């Protein structure tokens, strides 16, 4: 009975853009929390250390995660979908 309520991801349920959007939104939210914590840990003063830490968080971590999410989304749409179709034809 409880198993009928679980939605399992199969071939018929493609990955939606909303899933990637919410994953990125959650990750950027976590980065914002970490940025606030690191700002106050560094003494709540805007200096080179705080600037470097926040630059690393947002540019490297956030930008990298978003870039990889976009690449993965296009991979799922284009390449994975075409390989599933060729497997079905065999």
PDB file of N, CA and C in Angstrom:
ATOM      1  N   UNK A   1       0.813  -1.189   0.000  1.00  0.00           N
ATOM      2  CA  UNK A   1       0.000   0.000   0.000  1.00  0.00           C
ATOM      3  C   UNK A   1       0.862   1.260   0.000  1.00  0.00           C
ATOM      4  N   UNK A   2       1.895   1.267   0.827  1.00  0.00           N
ATOM      5  CA  UNK A   2       2.773   2.429   0.871  1.00  0.00           C
ATOM      6  C   UNK A   2       3.616   2.529  -0.389  1.00  0.00           C
ATOM      7  N   UNK A   3       3.904   1.396  -1.028  1.00  0.00           N
ATOM      8  CA  UNK A   3       4.710   1.414  -2.247  1.00  0.00           C
ATOM      9  C   UNK A   3       3.994   2.071  -3.415  1.00  0.00           C
ATOM     10  N   UNK A   4       2.681   2.060  -3.411  1.00  0.00           N
ATOM     11  CA  UNK A   4       1.933   2.651  -4.512  1.00  0.00           C
ATOM     12  C   UNK A   4       2.032   4.173  -4.515  1.00  0.00           C
ATOM     13  N   UNK A   5       2.375   4.779  -3.385  1.00  0.00           N
ATOM     14  CA  UNK A   5       2.474   6.233  -3.306  1.00  0.00           C
ATOM     15  C   UNK A   5       3.844   6.746  -3.753  1.00  0.00           C
ATOM     16  N   UNK A   6       4.825   5.858  -3.839  1.00  0.00           N
ATOM     17  CA  UNK A   6       6.166   6.259  -4.228  1.00  0.00           C
ATOM     18  C   UNK A   6       6.244   6.346  -5.751  1.00  0.00           C
ATOM     19  N   UNK A   7       6.716   7.479  -6.235  1.00  0.00           N
ATOM     20  CA  UNK A   7       6.885   7.668  -7.670  1.00  0.00           C
ATOM     21  C   UNK A   7       8.319   7.296  -8.009  1.00  0.00           C
ATOM     22  N   UNK A   8       8.483   6.270  -8.803  1.00  0.00           N
ATOM     23  CA  UNK A   8       9.818   5.830  -9.177  1.00  0.00           C
ATOM     24  C   UNK A   8      10.182   6.424 -10.527  1.00  0.00           C
ATOM     25  N   UNK A   9      11.451   6.790 -10.661  1.00  0.00           N
ATOM     26  CA  UNK A   9      11.927   7.368 -11.903  1.00  0.00           C
ATOM     27  C   UNK A   9      12.291   6.241 -12.855  1.00  0.00           C
ATOM     28  N   UNK A  10      11.610   6.181 -13.966  1.00  0.00           N
ATOM     29  CA  UNK A  10      11.871   5.147 -14.959  1.00  0.00           C
ATOM     30  C   UNK A  10      12.159   5.803 -16.294  1.00  0.00           C
ATOM     31  N   UNK A  11      12.214   4.996 -17.325  1.00  0.00           N
ATOM     32  CA  UNK A  11      12.459   5.529 -18.664  1.00  0.00           C
ATOM     33  C   UNK A  11      11.336   6.455 -19.111  1.00  0.00           C
ATOM     34  N   UNK A  12      10.128   6.193 -18.659  1.00  0.00           N
ATOM     35  CA  UNK A  12       8.978   6.973 -19.110  1.00  0.00           C
ATOM     36  C   UNK A  12       8.895   8.333 -18.434  1.00  0.00           C
ATOM     37  N   UNK A  13       9.597   8.523 -17.328  1.00  0.00           N
ATOM     38  CA  UNK A  13       9.579   9.802 -16.627  1.00  0.00           C
ATOM     39  C   UNK A  13      10.901  10.530 -16.876  1.00  0.00           C
ATOM     40  N   UNK A  14      10.938  11.430 -17.848  1.00  0.00           N
ATOM     41  CA  UNK A  14      12.191  12.131 -18.119  1.00  0.00           C
ATOM     42  C   UNK A  14      12.523  13.113 -16.994  1.00  0.00           C
ATOM     43  N   UNK A  15      13.771  13.483 -16.923  1.00  0.00           N
ATOM     44  CA  UNK A  15      14.209  14.449 -15.931  1.00  0.00           C
ATOM     45  C   UNK A  15      13.670  15.818 -16.328  1.00  0.00           C
ATOM     46  N   UNK A  16      13.071  16.495 -15.398  1.00  0.00           N
ATOM     47  CA  UNK A  16      12.467  17.785 -15.673  1.00  0.00           C
ATOM     48  C   UNK A  16      13.431  18.917 -15.344  1.00  0.00           C
ATOM     49  N   UNK A  17      13.243  20.040 -16.036  1.00  0.00           N
ATOM     50  CA  UNK A  17      14.048  21.232 -15.768  1.00  0.00           C
ATOM     51  C   UNK A  17      13.830  21.714 -14.347  1.00  0.00           C
ATOM     52  N   UNK A  18      12.620  21.532 -13.819  1.00  0.00           N
ATOM     53  CA  UNK A  18      12.291  21.988 -12.465  1.00  0.00           C
ATOM     54  C   UNK A  18      13.141  21.291 -11.413  1.00  0.00           C
ATOM     55  N   UNK A  19      13.482  20.026 -11.637  1.00  0.00           N
ATOM     56  CA  UNK A  19      14.318  19.303 -10.682  1.00  0.00           C
ATOM     57  C   UNK A  19      15.698  19.946 -10.588  1.00  0.00           C
ATOM     58  N   UNK A  20      16.263  20.296 -11.728  1.00  0.00           N
ATOM     59  CA  UNK A  20      17.567  20.950 -11.727  1.00  0.00           C
ATOM     60  C   UNK A  20      17.476  22.352 -11.137  1.00  0.00           C
ATOM     61  N   UNK A  21      16.397  23.051 -11.429  1.00  0.00           N
ATOM     62  CA  UNK A  21      16.215  24.393 -10.895  1.00  0.00           C
ATOM     63  C   UNK A  21      16.137  24.365  -9.377  1.00  0.00           C
ATOM     64  N   UNK A  22      15.338  23.451  -8.828  1.00  0.00           N
ATOM     65  CA  UNK A  22      15.206  23.375  -7.375  1.00  0.00           C
ATOM     66  C   UNK A  22      16.492  22.887  -6.717  1.00  0.00           C
ATOM     67  N   UNK A  23      17.229  22.007  -7.366  1.00  0.00           N
ATOM     68  CA  UNK A  23      18.513  21.567  -6.822  1.00  0.00           C
ATOM     69  C   UNK A  23      19.486  22.741  -6.760  1.00  0.00           C
ATOM     70  N   UNK A  24      19.505  23.551  -7.818  1.00  0.00           N
ATOM     71  CA  UNK A  24      20.372  24.728  -7.822  1.00  0.00           C
ATOM     72  C   UNK A  24      19.916  25.766  -6.812  1.00  0.00           C
ATOM     73  N   UNK A  25      18.616  25.957  -6.700  1.00  0.00           N
ATOM     74  CA  UNK A  25      18.089  26.903  -5.725  1.00  0.00           C
ATOM     75  C   UNK A  25      18.472  26.487  -4.310  1.00  0.00           C
ATOM     76  N   UNK A  26      18.358  25.199  -4.007  1.00  0.00           N
ATOM     77  CA  UNK A  26      18.737  24.693  -2.695  1.00  0.00           C
ATOM     78  C   UNK A  26      20.237  24.879  -2.461  1.00  0.00           C
ATOM     79  N   UNK A  27      21.056  24.556  -3.458  1.00  0.00           N
ATOM     80  CA  UNK A  27      22.507  24.668  -3.297  1.00  0.00           C
ATOM     81  C   UNK A  27      22.919  26.119  -3.098  1.00  0.00           C
ATOM     82  N   UNK A  28      22.331  27.040  -3.865  1.00  0.00           N
ATOM     83  CA  UNK A  28      22.664  28.454  -3.690  1.00  0.00           C
ATOM     84  C   UNK A  28      22.189  28.965  -2.341  1.00  0.00           C
ATOM     85  N   UNK A  29      21.082  28.422  -1.835  1.00  0.00           N
ATOM     86  CA  UNK A  29      20.632  28.781  -0.487  1.00  0.00           C
ATOM     87  C   UNK A  29      21.621  28.325   0.572  1.00  0.00           C
ATOM     88  N   UNK A  30      22.133  27.116   0.414  1.00  0.00           N
ATOM     89  CA  UNK A  30      23.147  26.609   1.345  1.00  0.00           C
ATOM     90  C   UNK A  30      24.406  27.472   1.263  1.00  0.00           C
ATOM     91  N   UNK A  31      24.778  27.873   0.053  1.00  0.00           N
ATOM     92  CA  UNK A  31      25.952  28.744  -0.096  1.00  0.00           C
ATOM     93  C   UNK A  31      25.743  30.091   0.585  1.00  0.00           C
ATOM     94  N   UNK A  32      24.531  30.610   0.538  1.00  0.00           N
ATOM     95  CA  UNK A  32      24.239  31.881   1.217  1.00  0.00           C
ATOM     96  C   UNK A  32      24.400  31.729   2.732  1.00  0.00           C
ATOM     97  N   UNK A  33      23.918  30.617   3.270  1.00  0.00           N
ATOM     98  CA  UNK A  33      24.060  30.373   4.709  1.00  0.00           C
ATOM     99  C   UNK A  33      25.534  30.241   5.077  1.00  0.00           C
ATOM    100  N   UNK A  34      26.283  29.503   4.277  1.00  0.00           N
ATOM    101  CA  UNK A  34      27.722  29.345   4.527  1.00  0.00           C
ATOM    102  C   UNK A  34      28.436  30.689   4.401  1.00  0.00           C
ATOM    103  N   UNK A  35      28.011  31.530   3.465  1.00  0.00           N
ATOM    104  CA  UNK A  35      28.628  32.844   3.296  1.00  0.00           C
ATOM    105  C   UNK A  35      28.393  33.725   4.515  1.00  0.00           C
ATOM    106  N   UNK A  36      27.188  33.696   5.052  1.00  0.00           N
ATOM    107  CA  UNK A  36      26.895  34.490   6.254  1.00  0.00           C
ATOM    108  C   UNK A  36      27.708  33.977   7.437  1.00  0.00           C
ATOM    109  N   UNK A  37      27.783  32.661   7.579  1.00  0.00           N
ATOM    110  CA  UNK A  37      28.562  32.083   8.680  1.00  0.00           C
ATOM    111  C   UNK A  37      30.043  32.436   8.529  1.00  0.00           C
ATOM    112  N   UNK A  38      30.573  32.331   7.312  1.00  0.00           N
ATOM    113  CA  UNK A  38      31.994  32.641   7.119  1.00  0.00           C
ATOM    114  C   UNK A  38      32.269  34.135   7.301  1.00  0.00           C
ATOM    115  N   UNK A  39      31.320  34.983   6.952  1.00  0.00           N
ATOM    116  CA  UNK A  39      31.504  36.424   7.150  1.00  0.00           C
ATOM    117  C   UNK A  39      31.644  36.744   8.633  1.00  0.00           C
ATOM    118  N   UNK A  40      30.771  36.168   9.439  1.00  0.00           N
ATOM    119  CA  UNK A  40      30.851  36.447  10.868  1.00  0.00           C
ATOM    120  C   UNK A  40      31.999  35.698  11.537  1.00  0.00           C
ATOM    121  N   UNK A  41      32.414  34.569  10.992  1.00  0.00           N
ATOM    122  CA  UNK A  41      33.562  33.849  11.524  1.00  0.00           C
ATOM    123  C   UNK A  41      34.854  34.615  11.257  1.00  0.00           C
ATOM    124  N   UNK A  42      34.904  35.299  10.114  1.00  0.00           N
ATOM    125  CA  UNK A  42      36.093  36.095   9.779  1.00  0.00           C
ATOM    126  C   UNK A  42      36.132  37.427  10.515  1.00  0.00           C
ATOM    127  N   UNK A  43      35.194  37.691  11.402  1.00  0.00           N
ATOM    128  CA  UNK A  43      35.217  38.904  12.207  1.00  0.00           C
ATOM    129  C   UNK A  43      34.245  39.971  11.773  1.00  0.00           C
ATOM    130  N   UNK A  44      33.351  39.662  10.837  1.00  0.00           N
ATOM    131  CA  UNK A  44      32.336  40.598  10.346  1.00  0.00           C
ATOM    132  C   UNK A  44      32.963  41.880   9.791  1.00  0.00           C
ATOM    133  N   UNK A  45      34.140  41.723   9.206  1.00  0.00           N
ATOM    134  CA  UNK A  45      34.840  42.843   8.589  1.00  0.00           C
ATOM    135  C   UNK A  45      35.120  42.453   7.144  1.00  0.00           C
ATOM    136  N   UNK A  46      34.835  43.378   6.238  1.00  0.00           N
ATOM    137  CA  UNK A  46      35.076  43.088   4.823  1.00  0.00           C
ATOM    138  C   UNK A  46      36.544  43.373   4.522  1.00  0.00           C
ATOM    139  N   UNK A  47      37.325  42.315   4.377  1.00  0.00           N
ATOM    140  CA  UNK A  47      38.732  42.449   4.055  1.00  0.00           C
ATOM    141  C   UNK A  47      39.091  41.437   2.969  1.00  0.00           C
ATOM    142  N   UNK A  48      40.370  41.255   2.727  1.00  0.00           N
ATOM    143  CA  UNK A  48      40.807  40.354   1.656  1.00  0.00           C
ATOM    144  C   UNK A  48      40.445  38.900   1.942  1.00  0.00           C
ATOM    145  N   UNK A  49      40.476  38.509   3.197  1.00  0.00           N
ATOM    146  CA  UNK A  49      40.152  37.124   3.552  1.00  0.00           C
ATOM    147  C   UNK A  49      38.675  36.851   3.287  1.00  0.00           C
ATOM    148  N   UNK A  50      37.822  37.726   3.744  1.00  0.00           N
ATOM    149  CA  UNK A  50      36.383  37.558   3.525  1.00  0.00           C
ATOM    150  C   UNK A  50      36.049  37.623   2.043  1.00  0.00           C
ATOM    151  N   UNK A  51      36.666  38.551   1.345  1.00  0.00           N
ATOM    152  CA  UNK A  51      36.437  38.688  -0.083  1.00  0.00           C
ATOM    153  C   UNK A  51      36.851  37.427  -0.831  1.00  0.00           C
ATOM    154  N   UNK A  52      38.008  36.877  -0.490  1.00  0.00           N
ATOM    155  CA  UNK A  52      38.478  35.659  -1.143  1.00  0.00           C
ATOM    156  C   UNK A  52      37.605  34.458  -0.838  1.00  0.00           C
ATOM    157  N   UNK A  53      37.149  34.370   0.411  1.00  0.00           N
ATOM    158  CA  UNK A  53      36.290  33.236   0.794  1.00  0.00           C
ATOM    159  C   UNK A  53      34.952  33.290   0.067  1.00  0.00           C
ATOM    160  N   UNK A  54      34.352  34.462   0.006  1.00  0.00           N
ATOM    161  CA  UNK A  54      33.056  34.586  -0.658  1.00  0.00           C
ATOM    162  C   UNK A  54      33.191  34.448  -2.169  1.00  0.00           C
ATOM    163  N   UNK A  55      34.292  34.915  -2.706  1.00  0.00           N
ATOM    164  CA  UNK A  55      34.534  34.732  -4.140  1.00  0.00           C
ATOM    165  C   UNK A  55      34.655  33.249  -4.479  1.00  0.00           C
ATOM    166  N   UNK A  56      35.374  32.510  -3.641  1.00  0.00           N
ATOM    167  CA  UNK A  56      35.497  31.069  -3.855  1.00  0.00           C
ATOM    168  C   UNK A  56      34.131  30.390  -3.747  1.00  0.00           C
ATOM    169  N   UNK A  57      33.356  30.756  -2.736  1.00  0.00           N
ATOM    170  CA  UNK A  57      32.049  30.128  -2.544  1.00  0.00           C
ATOM    171  C   UNK A  57      31.136  30.342  -3.739  1.00  0.00           C
ATOM    172  N   UNK A  58      31.006  31.588  -4.156  1.00  0.00           N
ATOM    173  CA  UNK A  58      30.015  31.886  -5.178  1.00  0.00           C
ATOM    174  C   UNK A  58      30.500  31.600  -6.599  1.00  0.00           C
ATOM    175  N   UNK A  59      31.743  31.920  -6.895  1.00  0.00           N
ATOM    176  CA  UNK A  59      32.220  31.737  -8.268  1.00  0.00           C
ATOM    177  C   UNK A  59      32.578  30.282  -8.536  1.00  0.00           C
ATOM    178  N   UNK A  60      33.390  29.712  -7.678  1.00  0.00           N
ATOM    179  CA  UNK A  60      33.872  28.353  -7.925  1.00  0.00           C
ATOM    180  C   UNK A  60      32.802  27.327  -7.572  1.00  0.00           C
ATOM    181  N   UNK A  61      32.298  27.367  -6.359  1.00  0.00           N
ATOM    182  CA  UNK A  61      31.332  26.352  -5.918  1.00  0.00           C
ATOM    183  C   UNK A  61      29.976  26.540  -6.602  1.00  0.00           C
ATOM    184  N   UNK A  62      29.407  27.737  -6.500  1.00  0.00           N
ATOM    185  CA  UNK A  62      28.085  27.985  -7.071  1.00  0.00           C
ATOM    186  C   UNK A  62      28.078  27.950  -8.586  1.00  0.00           C
ATOM    187  N   UNK A  63      29.037  28.629  -9.183  1.00  0.00           N
ATOM    188  CA  UNK A  63      29.122  28.630 -10.639  1.00  0.00           C
ATOM    189  C   UNK A  63      29.415  27.255 -11.202  1.00  0.00           C
ATOM    190  N   UNK A  64      30.293  26.528 -10.536  1.00  0.00           N
ATOM    191  CA  UNK A  64      30.615  25.172 -10.978  1.00  0.00           C
ATOM    192  C   UNK A  64      29.435  24.235 -10.878  1.00  0.00           C
ATOM    193  N   UNK A  65      28.708  24.314  -9.782  1.00  0.00           N
ATOM    194  CA  UNK A  65      27.534  23.460  -9.609  1.00  0.00           C
ATOM    195  C   UNK A  65      26.470  23.770 -10.654  1.00  0.00           C
ATOM    196  N   UNK A  66      26.245  25.047 -10.904  1.00  0.00           N
ATOM    197  CA  UNK A  66      25.255  25.442 -11.904  1.00  0.00           C
ATOM    198  C   UNK A  66      25.690  25.009 -13.301  1.00  0.00           C
ATOM    199  N   UNK A  67      26.965  25.180 -13.628  1.00  0.00           N
ATOM    200  CA  UNK A  67      27.477  24.780 -14.933  1.00  0.00           C
ATOM    201  C   UNK A  67      27.327  23.273 -15.147  1.00  0.00           C
ATOM    202  N   UNK A  68      27.682  22.491 -14.143  1.00  0.00           N
ATOM    203  CA  UNK A  68      27.561  21.036 -14.260  1.00  0.00           C
ATOM    204  C   UNK A  68      26.092  20.622 -14.339  1.00  0.00           C
ATOM    205  N   UNK A  69      25.211  21.322 -13.637  1.00  0.00           N
ATOM    206  CA  UNK A  69      23.780  21.014 -13.723  1.00  0.00           C
ATOM    207  C   UNK A  69      23.240  21.269 -15.125  1.00  0.00           C
ATOM    208  N   UNK A  70      23.666  22.355 -15.736  1.00  0.00           N
ATOM    209  CA  UNK A  70      23.228  22.665 -17.100  1.00  0.00           C
ATOM    210  C   UNK A  70      23.743  21.604 -18.069  1.00  0.00           C
ATOM    211  N   UNK A  71      25.010  21.225 -17.926  1.00  0.00           N
ATOM    212  CA  UNK A  71      25.556  20.176 -18.792  1.00  0.00           C
ATOM    213  C   UNK A  71      24.827  18.855 -18.597  1.00  0.00           C
ATOM    214  N   UNK A  72      24.524  18.507 -17.356  1.00  0.00           N
ATOM    215  CA  UNK A  72      23.830  17.254 -17.076  1.00  0.00           C
ATOM    216  C   UNK A  72      22.412  17.281 -17.626  1.00  0.00           C
ATOM    217  N   UNK A  73      21.752  18.432 -17.542  1.00  0.00           N
ATOM    218  CA  UNK A  73      20.393  18.553 -18.072  1.00  0.00           C
ATOM    219  C   UNK A  73      20.392  18.325 -19.587  1.00  0.00           C
ATOM    220  N   UNK A  74      21.319  18.960 -20.292  1.00  0.00           N
ATOM    221  CA  UNK A  74      21.379  18.772 -21.737  1.00  0.00           C
ATOM    222  C   UNK A  74      21.811  17.358 -22.112  1.00  0.00           C
ATOM    223  N   UNK A  75      22.654  16.751 -21.290  1.00  0.00           N
ATOM    224  CA  UNK A  75      23.015  15.356 -21.529  1.00  0.00           C
ATOM    225  C   UNK A  75      21.789  14.463 -21.409  1.00  0.00           C
ATOM    226  N   UNK A  76      20.998  14.677 -20.369  1.00  0.00           N
ATOM    227  CA  UNK A  76      19.793  13.864 -20.168  1.00  0.00           C
ATOM    228  C   UNK A  76      18.798  14.040 -21.311  1.00  0.00           C
ATOM    229  N   UNK A  77      18.670  15.257 -21.814  1.00  0.00           N
ATOM    230  CA  UNK A  77      17.712  15.519 -22.886  1.00  0.00           C
ATOM    231  C   UNK A  77      18.190  14.929 -24.209  1.00  0.00           C
ATOM    232  N   UNK A  78      19.424  15.208 -24.576  1.00  0.00           N
ATOM    233  CA  UNK A  78      19.899  14.857 -25.917  1.00  0.00           C
ATOM    234  C   UNK A  78      20.491  13.449 -25.997  1.00  0.00           C
ATOM    235  N   UNK A  79      21.504  13.193 -25.215  1.00  0.00           N
ATOM    236  CA  UNK A  79      22.278  11.962 -25.397  1.00  0.00           C
ATOM    237  C   UNK A  79      21.606  10.761 -24.751  1.00  0.00           C
ATOM    238  N   UNK A  80      21.172  10.906 -23.505  1.00  0.00           N
ATOM    239  CA  UNK A  80      20.568   9.762 -22.817  1.00  0.00           C
ATOM    240  C   UNK A  80      19.254   9.359 -23.473  1.00  0.00           C
ATOM    241  N   UNK A  81      18.484  10.319 -23.947  1.00  0.00           N
ATOM    242  CA  UNK A  81      17.219   9.999 -24.603  1.00  0.00           C
ATOM    243  C   UNK A  81      17.461   9.257 -25.914  1.00  0.00           C
ATOM    244  N   UNK A  82      18.467   9.658 -26.662  1.00  0.00           N
ATOM    245  CA  UNK A  82      18.730   8.985 -27.933  1.00  0.00           C
ATOM    246  C   UNK A  82      19.278   7.577 -27.720  1.00  0.00           C
ATOM    247  N   UNK A  83      20.064   7.353 -26.678  1.00  0.00           N
ATOM    248  CA  UNK A  83      20.572   5.999 -26.419  1.00  0.00           C
ATOM    249  C   UNK A  83      19.463   5.083 -25.940  1.00  0.00           C
ATOM    250  N   UNK A  84      18.497   5.601 -25.212  1.00  0.00           N
ATOM    251  CA  UNK A  84      17.362   4.778 -24.782  1.00  0.00           C
ATOM    252  C   UNK A  84      16.511   4.356 -25.979  1.00  0.00           C
ATOM    253  N   UNK A  85      16.376   5.259 -26.957  1.00  0.00           N
ATOM    254  CA  UNK A  85      15.599   4.933 -28.148  1.00  0.00           C
ATOM    255  C   UNK A  85      16.296   3.861 -28.979  1.00  0.00           C
ATOM    256  N   UNK A  86      17.623   3.917 -29.086  1.00  0.00           N
ATOM    257  CA  UNK A  86      18.329   2.915 -29.863  1.00  0.00           C
ATOM    258  C   UNK A  86      18.304   1.558 -29.179  1.00  0.00           C
ATOM    259  N   UNK A  87      18.302   1.548 -27.864  1.00  0.00           N
ATOM    260  CA  UNK A  87      18.206   0.279 -27.134  1.00  0.00           C
ATOM    261  C   UNK A  87      16.835  -0.348 -27.346  1.00  0.00           C
ATOM    262  N   UNK A  88      15.788   0.481 -27.387  1.00  0.00           N
ATOM    263  CA  UNK A  88      14.440  -0.040 -27.596  1.00  0.00           C
ATOM    264  C   UNK A  88      14.274  -0.628 -28.993  1.00  0.00           C
ATOM    265  N   UNK A  89      14.993  -0.066 -29.971  1.00  0.00           N
ATOM    266  CA  UNK A  89      14.859  -0.547 -31.348  1.00  0.00           C
ATOM    267  C   UNK A  89      15.499  -1.925 -31.536  1.00  0.00           C
ATOM    268  N   UNK A  90      16.449  -2.260 -30.732  1.00  0.00           N
ATOM    269  CA  UNK A  90      17.145  -3.552 -30.889  1.00  0.00           C
ATOM    270  C   UNK A  90      16.357  -4.680 -30.390  1.00  0.00           C
TER     271      UNK A  90
END
